Protein backbone atom coordinates (compact mmCIF):
# COMPACT_ATOMS: atom_id res chain seq x y z
CA MET A 1 -36.40 -18.85 92.75
CA SER A 2 -33.55 -16.77 91.30
CA LEU A 3 -33.17 -13.09 92.04
CA ARG A 4 -32.47 -10.84 89.07
CA PRO A 5 -29.20 -8.95 89.50
CA ILE A 6 -28.89 -5.41 88.21
CA LYS A 7 -26.95 -4.88 84.99
CA GLN A 8 -26.94 -1.12 85.11
CA ILE A 9 -28.41 1.96 86.78
CA ILE A 10 -29.20 4.59 84.13
CA GLN A 11 -29.87 8.28 84.65
CA PRO A 12 -32.19 9.80 82.00
CA LYS A 13 -30.84 12.42 79.62
CA PRO A 14 -32.56 15.80 79.07
CA THR A 15 -34.05 15.80 75.56
CA ILE A 16 -36.18 18.13 73.44
CA GLU A 17 -38.78 16.53 71.18
CA GLY A 18 -41.82 17.57 69.15
CA ALA A 19 -42.20 21.33 68.84
CA GLY A 20 -39.94 21.98 71.82
CA VAL A 21 -41.12 19.71 74.64
CA LYS A 22 -38.50 19.26 77.35
CA LEU A 23 -38.42 15.71 78.67
CA GLN A 24 -36.11 13.08 80.14
CA ARG A 25 -35.12 10.07 77.99
CA ALA A 26 -34.36 6.97 80.00
CA PHE A 27 -33.22 5.02 76.94
CA GLY A 28 -33.64 5.04 73.17
CA PHE A 29 -32.04 5.98 69.83
CA GLY A 30 -28.92 3.99 70.62
CA LYS A 31 -28.00 0.54 71.80
CA THR A 32 -31.33 -1.01 72.82
CA GLU A 33 -30.62 -4.76 72.47
CA GLU A 34 -30.75 -5.23 76.24
CA PHE A 35 -34.24 -3.66 76.30
CA ASP A 36 -35.62 -5.67 73.33
CA PRO A 37 -38.58 -5.60 72.50
CA PHE A 38 -38.65 -2.04 73.87
CA LEU A 39 -37.03 0.80 71.95
CA LEU A 40 -37.48 3.96 74.00
CA LEU A 41 -38.81 5.32 77.28
CA ASP A 42 -39.52 9.03 77.71
CA ASP A 43 -40.50 10.68 80.98
CA PHE A 44 -42.38 13.87 80.11
CA ARG A 45 -43.05 15.25 83.57
CA ASN A 46 -42.78 18.99 83.93
CA ASP A 47 -44.38 21.73 86.01
CA ASN A 48 -43.55 24.62 83.65
CA PRO A 49 -46.18 24.91 80.87
CA GLU A 50 -43.72 26.75 78.63
CA ASP A 51 -41.68 23.54 78.50
CA TYR A 52 -44.47 21.29 77.17
CA LEU A 53 -47.44 23.22 75.71
CA ALA A 54 -45.97 23.27 72.18
CA GLY A 55 -46.57 19.53 72.20
CA PHE A 56 -45.98 16.96 69.49
CA PRO A 57 -47.65 18.19 66.26
CA TRP A 58 -48.39 15.89 63.33
CA HIS A 59 -45.70 13.25 62.87
CA PRO A 60 -45.53 9.75 61.34
CA HIS A 61 -45.26 6.35 62.99
CA ARG A 62 -44.64 2.96 61.38
CA GLY A 63 -43.48 -0.43 62.59
CA ILE A 64 -43.91 0.16 66.34
CA GLU A 65 -46.41 0.37 69.18
CA THR A 66 -46.50 3.36 71.52
CA ILE A 67 -47.75 3.19 75.10
CA THR A 68 -48.66 6.49 76.79
CA TYR A 69 -49.43 6.57 80.53
CA VAL A 70 -50.60 9.86 82.03
CA LEU A 71 -50.31 10.58 85.76
CA ALA A 72 -51.03 14.33 85.94
CA GLY A 73 -52.45 16.79 83.45
CA SER A 74 -53.93 15.60 80.16
CA VAL A 75 -52.94 14.79 76.58
CA GLU A 76 -55.22 15.55 73.62
CA HIS A 77 -54.51 13.35 70.61
CA GLY A 78 -55.66 12.81 67.05
CA ASP A 79 -54.60 10.93 63.92
CA SER A 80 -54.93 10.70 60.16
CA LEU A 81 -57.62 8.01 60.45
CA GLY A 82 -59.98 10.39 62.25
CA ASN A 83 -59.44 9.06 65.76
CA LYS A 84 -59.22 11.64 68.51
CA GLY A 85 -59.54 11.81 72.26
CA LYS A 86 -58.15 13.04 75.53
CA MET A 87 -56.15 11.17 78.16
CA THR A 88 -56.33 12.35 81.76
CA ALA A 89 -54.64 11.28 85.00
CA GLY A 90 -54.37 7.49 85.25
CA ASP A 91 -55.36 6.80 81.62
CA VAL A 92 -53.39 4.69 79.13
CA GLN A 93 -53.30 4.71 75.34
CA TRP A 94 -51.71 1.82 73.46
CA MET A 95 -51.31 2.69 69.77
CA THR A 96 -50.25 0.09 67.23
CA ALA A 97 -48.85 2.19 64.38
CA GLY A 98 -48.36 -0.85 62.13
CA SER A 99 -48.23 0.06 58.44
CA GLY A 100 -48.33 3.77 59.16
CA ILE A 101 -50.22 6.58 60.78
CA MET A 102 -49.93 10.34 61.16
CA HIS A 103 -50.41 11.33 64.77
CA GLN A 104 -50.35 14.32 67.11
CA GLU A 105 -50.26 14.63 70.91
CA MET A 106 -50.79 17.91 72.72
CA PRO A 107 -50.11 17.89 76.49
CA ARG A 108 -51.98 20.15 78.89
CA GLY A 109 -51.18 20.69 82.55
CA ASP A 110 -53.44 20.22 85.54
CA ALA A 111 -54.78 23.08 87.68
CA GLU A 112 -51.29 23.60 89.10
CA GLY A 113 -49.62 23.52 85.69
CA ARG A 114 -48.13 20.04 86.13
CA MET A 115 -47.76 17.58 83.26
CA HIS A 116 -46.61 14.07 84.14
CA GLY A 117 -46.54 10.92 82.09
CA PHE A 118 -44.48 8.36 80.23
CA GLN A 119 -44.25 7.09 76.67
CA LEU A 120 -42.79 3.67 75.95
CA TRP A 121 -42.12 2.36 72.45
CA ALA A 122 -42.36 -1.37 71.71
CA ASN A 123 -41.00 -2.85 68.51
CA LEU A 124 -43.13 -4.91 66.13
CA PRO A 125 -41.73 -8.13 64.61
CA SER A 126 -41.25 -8.18 60.84
CA ALA A 127 -44.44 -10.21 60.31
CA LEU A 128 -46.50 -7.44 61.92
CA LYS A 129 -44.68 -4.30 60.75
CA MET A 130 -47.35 -3.61 58.12
CA THR A 131 -50.40 -4.65 60.13
CA ASP A 132 -53.40 -2.32 60.30
CA PRO A 133 -53.10 0.52 62.83
CA ARG A 134 -55.29 0.31 65.92
CA TYR A 135 -55.87 1.96 69.29
CA GLN A 136 -56.61 0.77 72.78
CA ASP A 137 -57.78 3.71 74.90
CA ILE A 138 -57.95 2.62 78.53
CA PRO A 139 -59.55 4.87 81.17
CA SER A 140 -58.03 4.86 84.64
CA SER A 141 -61.14 3.19 86.06
CA ALA A 142 -60.55 0.12 83.89
CA ILE A 143 -57.03 -0.55 85.18
CA PRO A 144 -57.12 -3.08 88.04
CA GLU A 145 -55.28 -2.21 91.25
CA VAL A 146 -54.27 -4.98 93.63
CA VAL A 147 -53.20 -4.43 97.23
CA ASP A 148 -51.21 -6.95 99.28
CA ASP A 149 -51.46 -7.35 103.06
CA ASP A 150 -48.25 -5.35 103.56
CA GLY A 151 -49.65 -2.33 101.71
CA VAL A 152 -47.88 -2.93 98.40
CA ARG A 153 -50.07 -1.61 95.58
CA VAL A 154 -49.83 -2.57 91.92
CA ARG A 155 -51.75 -1.17 88.93
CA VAL A 156 -51.80 -3.85 86.23
CA ILE A 157 -51.74 -2.05 82.90
CA CYS A 158 -50.76 -5.00 80.73
CA GLY A 159 -50.05 -8.65 81.44
CA GLU A 160 -51.05 -10.75 84.44
CA PHE A 161 -50.02 -10.17 88.04
CA TRP A 162 -51.37 -11.46 91.37
CA GLY A 163 -54.40 -12.95 89.66
CA LYS A 164 -55.38 -9.76 87.83
CA ARG A 165 -54.97 -9.11 84.12
CA GLY A 166 -54.44 -5.69 82.63
CA PRO A 167 -56.95 -4.34 80.09
CA VAL A 168 -54.43 -3.90 77.23
CA GLU A 169 -54.59 -7.01 75.03
CA GLY A 170 -53.18 -8.41 71.80
CA VAL A 171 -49.83 -6.63 71.95
CA ALA A 172 -47.05 -8.24 69.92
CA ALA A 173 -44.39 -7.85 72.63
CA ASP A 174 -46.67 -9.62 75.14
CA PRO A 175 -45.40 -7.24 77.83
CA GLN A 176 -46.00 -6.96 81.52
CA TYR A 177 -46.41 -3.29 82.44
CA LEU A 178 -46.96 -2.55 86.14
CA ASP A 179 -47.13 0.61 88.27
CA VAL A 180 -45.83 -0.49 91.68
CA TYR A 181 -45.89 1.27 95.05
CA VAL A 182 -44.05 -0.22 98.06
CA PRO A 183 -44.68 1.45 101.45
CA PRO A 184 -41.86 2.83 103.62
CA GLY A 185 -39.46 0.19 104.92
CA GLN A 186 -41.15 -2.73 103.17
CA ARG A 187 -39.19 -5.31 101.19
CA LYS A 188 -40.95 -7.07 98.33
CA ARG A 189 -40.21 -9.73 95.72
CA LEU A 190 -42.04 -9.43 92.41
CA LYS A 191 -42.13 -12.24 89.87
CA VAL A 192 -40.90 -11.61 86.31
CA GLU A 193 -40.78 -14.38 83.70
CA THR A 194 -37.19 -15.55 83.24
CA THR A 195 -37.15 -15.31 79.43
CA ARG A 196 -38.08 -11.63 79.41
CA ASN A 197 -35.95 -8.53 79.39
CA ALA A 198 -36.96 -6.33 82.32
CA PHE A 199 -36.36 -2.89 83.78
CA ALA A 200 -37.74 -0.69 86.56
CA TYR A 201 -38.14 3.06 86.20
CA VAL A 202 -38.36 4.78 89.60
CA PHE A 203 -40.35 8.00 89.68
CA ALA A 204 -41.21 8.56 93.33
CA GLY A 205 -39.60 7.82 96.66
CA SER A 206 -36.37 6.01 97.39
CA GLY A 207 -35.18 2.49 97.93
CA ALA A 208 -32.81 -0.28 96.89
CA PHE A 209 -33.27 -3.06 94.36
CA GLY A 210 -31.85 -6.39 95.49
CA ASP A 211 -28.81 -7.64 93.63
CA ALA A 212 -27.10 -11.00 93.49
CA SER A 213 -24.27 -9.35 95.41
CA ASP A 214 -25.01 -6.00 97.05
CA PRO A 215 -28.20 -3.91 96.90
CA ARG A 216 -28.09 -1.02 94.45
CA ALA A 217 -29.80 2.12 95.71
CA VAL A 218 -32.11 4.12 93.48
CA LEU A 219 -33.23 7.50 94.78
CA THR A 220 -35.81 9.90 93.41
CA GLU A 221 -38.37 12.41 94.62
CA GLN A 222 -40.65 12.20 97.64
CA VAL A 223 -43.79 10.11 97.55
CA ALA A 224 -46.95 11.93 98.59
CA LYS A 225 -49.49 9.10 98.59
CA PRO A 226 -50.02 6.02 96.40
CA PHE A 227 -51.30 6.79 92.89
CA ALA A 228 -51.79 10.51 93.47
CA PRO A 229 -49.92 12.92 91.17
CA PRO A 230 -46.52 12.98 92.86
CA GLU A 231 -44.61 15.94 94.18
CA TYR A 232 -41.48 15.67 92.13
CA ASP A 233 -38.08 17.00 91.21
CA VAL A 234 -37.72 16.40 87.48
CA SER A 235 -33.95 16.13 87.72
CA ASN A 236 -33.98 13.16 90.06
CA HIS A 237 -35.08 9.72 88.75
CA SER A 238 -33.42 6.47 87.70
CA LEU A 239 -33.81 3.29 85.66
CA ALA A 240 -32.61 -0.12 86.80
CA LEU A 241 -31.90 -2.62 84.01
CA PHE A 242 -32.11 -6.21 85.26
CA ASP A 243 -30.24 -9.34 84.22
CA ARG A 244 -31.86 -12.80 84.03
CA GLY A 245 -33.85 -14.36 86.85
CA ASP A 246 -37.47 -14.85 87.84
CA GLU A 247 -37.84 -12.32 90.64
CA VAL A 248 -37.09 -8.67 91.31
CA ALA A 249 -36.48 -7.64 94.93
CA VAL A 250 -36.99 -4.09 96.16
CA GLU A 251 -36.71 -2.49 99.58
CA ALA A 252 -38.46 0.85 100.03
CA GLY A 253 -36.80 3.76 101.79
CA PRO A 254 -38.38 6.00 104.44
CA GLU A 255 -40.65 7.71 101.89
CA GLY A 256 -41.72 4.50 100.15
CA ILE A 257 -40.96 3.88 96.49
CA ARG A 258 -43.02 3.93 93.28
CA PHE A 259 -41.84 2.64 89.92
CA LEU A 260 -42.82 1.19 86.57
CA LEU A 261 -41.86 -2.48 86.24
CA VAL A 262 -41.78 -3.44 82.56
CA SER A 263 -40.81 -6.70 80.88
CA GLY A 264 -41.26 -8.27 77.45
CA LYS A 265 -40.18 -11.14 75.23
CA PRO A 266 -37.22 -10.23 73.00
CA ILE A 267 -37.96 -10.12 69.26
CA GLU A 268 -34.28 -10.57 68.30
CA GLU A 269 -34.60 -9.07 64.81
CA PRO A 270 -32.48 -6.42 63.10
CA VAL A 271 -33.58 -2.82 63.60
CA ALA A 272 -33.45 -0.05 60.97
CA TRP A 273 -34.52 3.12 62.73
CA TYR A 274 -35.22 6.71 61.77
CA GLY A 275 -37.20 8.71 64.32
CA PRO A 276 -40.67 7.21 64.82
CA ILE A 277 -40.26 4.80 61.88
CA VAL A 278 -38.69 1.44 62.78
CA MET A 279 -38.23 -1.28 60.17
CA ASN A 280 -35.92 -4.30 59.77
CA THR A 281 -33.75 -3.19 56.85
CA GLN A 282 -32.37 0.03 55.43
CA ALA A 283 -34.24 -0.68 52.19
CA GLU A 284 -37.55 -0.82 54.06
CA LEU A 285 -36.65 2.36 55.85
CA ARG A 286 -35.82 4.15 52.57
CA GLN A 287 -39.13 2.96 51.13
CA ALA A 288 -41.03 4.33 54.13
CA MET A 289 -39.29 7.70 53.85
CA ALA A 290 -40.00 7.85 50.10
CA GLU A 291 -43.69 7.08 50.73
CA LEU A 292 -43.81 9.76 53.38
CA ARG A 293 -42.27 12.27 50.96
CA ASP A 294 -44.58 11.25 48.07
CA GLY A 295 -47.78 11.35 50.12
CA ASN A 296 -48.67 7.64 50.10
CA PHE A 297 -47.40 6.71 53.55
CA ILE A 298 -50.86 5.82 54.88
CA LYS A 299 -51.98 2.41 53.64
CA ARG A 300 -55.74 2.11 53.23
CA ARG A 301 -57.23 -1.36 52.93
């Protein structure tokens, strides 16, 4: 077995999106080759309703898949195809935008005003850029949770882990998307396929990820209890980008540690990118923008 060393520890950047939603961007809209097939990760946790209630009104998507994971509060959503729904704590929505869709997402806080969740963008290969849009709405109850003898807990959102398979299927990036909790003081090795790019986004607790040389500490807010909406400080979270190997090692601090562990097979295709529209060439991107302007962006079959 080979332990994945850490390439980089990244601190998210404060960003405003939608109609004025304040969030933290872990990566995106820049050099994303090392994250391929993933394009962007936003952490939209906030406990001030004024910072998120304006939401993300109608906007286009094409050429990507978006994965929304809600941990506290709720997100009401709808699209130009007539789909609509509401995600609550623990739910996941995997949207394949494909050939194009108009979409809106409106976050709402919980009883204490807290909104907490993540949105990850996955690229689509050129052969699937213009596929039909589709949704996978996954309730929290459908996401398997596995518990090891040492108290390590893993929610398997997508991919296979410890004999359980996540409910999200048929995704082009073939990702593994896990929500991992390691109890205080425990050290754990987690398998990740060698050919995949991988990162961990820590959002509760503290700890150190094992490195080929020295451990690299990653600190964030206090853990309350596994898979409960965390007590958090929105200014304090980190992303660890891993190099090649087939295992990730983590040692939890005195509060335990909770993080997303995400990996996927690189697409290795050129990226032409403008906001939520991601194509392979500038010509394709110009065509998409022209169709959006002329009112024929949505392709009906």
